[in-house]
Every structure is written in structure tokens, then in C-alpha cells.
Protein backbone atom coordinates (compact mmCIF):
# COMPACT_ATOMS: atom_id res chain seq x y z
CA UNK A 1 -0.43 -0.11 -0.37
CA UNK A 2 2.87 2.40 1.08
CA UNK A 3 4.56 1.70 -2.24
CA UNK A 4 1.45 2.19 -4.36
CA UNK A 5 0.71 5.43 -2.51
CA UNK A 6 4.92 6.40 -3.52
CA UNK A 7 4.18 5.44 -7.24
CA UNK A 8 0.68 7.51 -7.94
CA UNK A 9 2.71 10.34 -5.93
CA UNK A 10 5.62 10.29 -8.32
CA UNK A 11 3.86 10.00 -11.53
CA UNK A 12 1.62 12.58 -10.35
CA UNK A 13 4.90 14.95 -9.92
CA UNK A 14 6.33 13.74 -13.08
CA UNK A 15 2.63 15.41 -14.83
CA UNK A 16 2.89 18.46 -13.15
CA UNK A 17 6.83 18.57 -14.03
CA UNK A 18 5.90 17.97 -17.65
CA UNK A 19 2.92 20.32 -17.66
CA UNK A 20 5.30 23.17 -15.99
CA UNK A 21 7.76 22.45 -19.37
CA UNK A 22 5.38 22.87 -21.75
CA UNK A 23 3.96 25.78 -20.50
CA UNK A 24 7.03 27.68 -20.74
CA UNK A 25 7.61 26.32 -24.17
CA UNK A 26 4.32 28.36 -25.70
CA UNK A 27 5.44 31.50 -27.50
CA UNK A 28 5.03 34.56 -26.27
CA UNK A 29 2.00 36.47 -26.98
CA UNK A 30 2.33 40.71 -27.65
CA UNK A 31 -0.48 42.37 -25.49
CA UNK A 32 -2.42 45.10 -26.74
CA UNK A 33 0.21 47.93 -25.77
CA UNK A 34 3.07 46.09 -27.29
CA UNK A 35 5.56 48.04 -29.61
CA UNK A 36 4.72 47.15 -33.39
CA UNK A 37 7.75 44.88 -34.66
CA UNK A 38 7.84 46.95 -37.58
CA UNK A 39 9.53 50.15 -37.39
CA UNK A 40 8.04 53.61 -38.87
CA UNK A 41 3.95 52.13 -38.71
CA UNK A 42 2.28 53.90 -36.38
CA UNK A 43 -1.83 53.24 -34.99
CA UNK A 44 -3.71 55.74 -37.07
CA UNK A 45 -6.21 56.97 -33.37
CA UNK A 46 -7.69 59.53 -35.51
CA UNK A 47 -9.80 56.92 -37.38
CA UNK A 48 -10.67 53.79 -35.46
CA UNK A 49 -11.67 50.75 -37.38
CA UNK A 50 -14.87 49.23 -37.62
CA UNK A 51 -16.20 48.28 -34.28
CA UNK A 52 -13.11 49.15 -32.67
CA UNK A 53 -13.79 50.74 -29.07
CA UNK A 54 -11.99 52.76 -26.87
CA UNK A 55 -10.55 50.96 -23.76
CA UNK A 56 -10.84 52.34 -19.89
CA UNK A 57 -7.46 52.90 -19.69
CA UNK A 58 -7.76 54.85 -23.53
CA UNK A 59 -10.49 56.64 -22.45
CA UNK A 60 -8.28 58.26 -19.19
CA UNK A 61 -5.45 58.72 -21.43
CA UNK A 62 -7.99 61.00 -23.52
CA UNK A 63 -9.38 62.62 -20.73
CA UNK A 64 -6.09 63.48 -18.88
CA UNK A 65 -5.10 65.24 -22.31
CA UNK A 66 -7.14 67.57 -22.27
CA UNK A 67 -8.07 68.24 -18.34
CA UNK A 68 -5.88 68.12 -15.09
CA UNK A 69 -7.15 65.74 -12.18
CA UNK A 70 -7.37 62.63 -10.21
CA UNK A 71 -9.68 59.77 -11.51
CA UNK A 72 -12.50 59.57 -8.83
CA UNK A 73 -14.45 56.81 -11.13
CA UNK A 74 -15.15 55.82 -14.43
CA UNK A 75 -18.62 54.29 -15.82
CA UNK A 76 -19.97 52.97 -18.95
CA UNK A 77 -23.36 54.92 -20.31
CA UNK A 78 -25.78 54.96 -23.08
CA UNK A 79 -26.51 52.20 -25.98
CA UNK A 80 -25.41 51.27 -29.18
CA UNK A 81 -23.55 54.02 -30.95
CA UNK A 82 -23.95 56.45 -28.43
CA UNK A 83 -22.04 54.64 -25.66
CA UNK A 84 -19.68 57.11 -23.38
CA UNK A 85 -17.69 56.41 -20.53
CA UNK A 86 -18.63 58.87 -18.18
CA UNK A 87 -15.34 60.12 -15.77
CA UNK A 88 -15.33 61.83 -12.51
CA UNK A 89 -12.17 63.91 -11.87
CA UNK A 90 -11.53 65.85 -9.15
CA UNK A 91 -8.99 69.04 -9.33
CA UNK A 92 -8.03 70.97 -6.36
CA UNK A 93 -11.07 69.94 -4.71
CA UNK A 94 -13.50 70.95 -7.67
CA UNK A 95 -15.21 68.29 -8.95
CA UNK A 96 -16.08 67.58 -12.65
CA UNK A 97 -17.54 64.97 -15.39
CA UNK A 98 -15.64 64.36 -18.86
CA UNK A 99 -17.11 61.92 -21.33
CA UNK A 100 -15.42 59.69 -23.52
CA UNK A 101 -17.36 58.65 -26.58
CA UNK A 102 -16.36 54.76 -27.04
CA UNK A 103 -16.77 54.70 -30.80
CA UNK A 104 -14.55 57.69 -32.07
CA UNK A 105 -12.68 58.73 -28.75
CA UNK A 106 -14.31 62.67 -28.61
CA UNK A 107 -13.99 64.00 -25.33
CA UNK A 108 -16.11 66.40 -24.08
CA UNK A 109 -17.40 68.00 -20.61
CA UNK A 110 -15.18 69.16 -18.12
CA UNK A 111 -17.79 70.88 -16.03
């Protein structure tokens, strides 16, 4: 019985080690923010592709380009083609709202 448990334990360790080795052989996938491997090519953000959506992180970047302040909250409002990120910001004790259009990235508000 003790030998059987030892063999099962060894087999389980072997399977786990083999799985870890396989995981290390998988190719590295580039993330969304990775640098393009082709020098000179840049993404044109002013004309988004069909069905392209601005991410929350990108919406915050766009809002911060036009308004100074701390981000308090971000939420998605609206439906269909009229979806906006509603970003609550604070600067020197004043709270204001900035809207970023999900499809176009157009920034509005600030009051």
C-alpha cells in the first residue's frame, strides 16, 4: 500500500513537471500595448476601425490629455452607437465630469 502511494505520488509529480515544461515552451504573445515589430508603422487613432472600441484605460488617457485632475470613477453609459465613458475627475477640490465617446474617442464635458 505504501509503495502504491509512492508510485502514484511520483506519477503525479511527473505529470505536473511535464505540464510546467510545456507551458514554458509556449510562444510569448504580444499584448495590446506592445511596440509594433515593424519600425515606422504607427496606429492611426483619429480614424478608428469598424467595430473598434476605446478601452477604459485609453479613455482615461484621452481625458487626461485635455483635463488635469485625479480620476475618481469611470463608468460606461448609453447604448449602441451612443455609448460614452463617464469619467468623474477632481482637481483642487473641484469635481467635474468628462465624457469620452466609446467608438470615436471624442472628449467632451469638463464641467
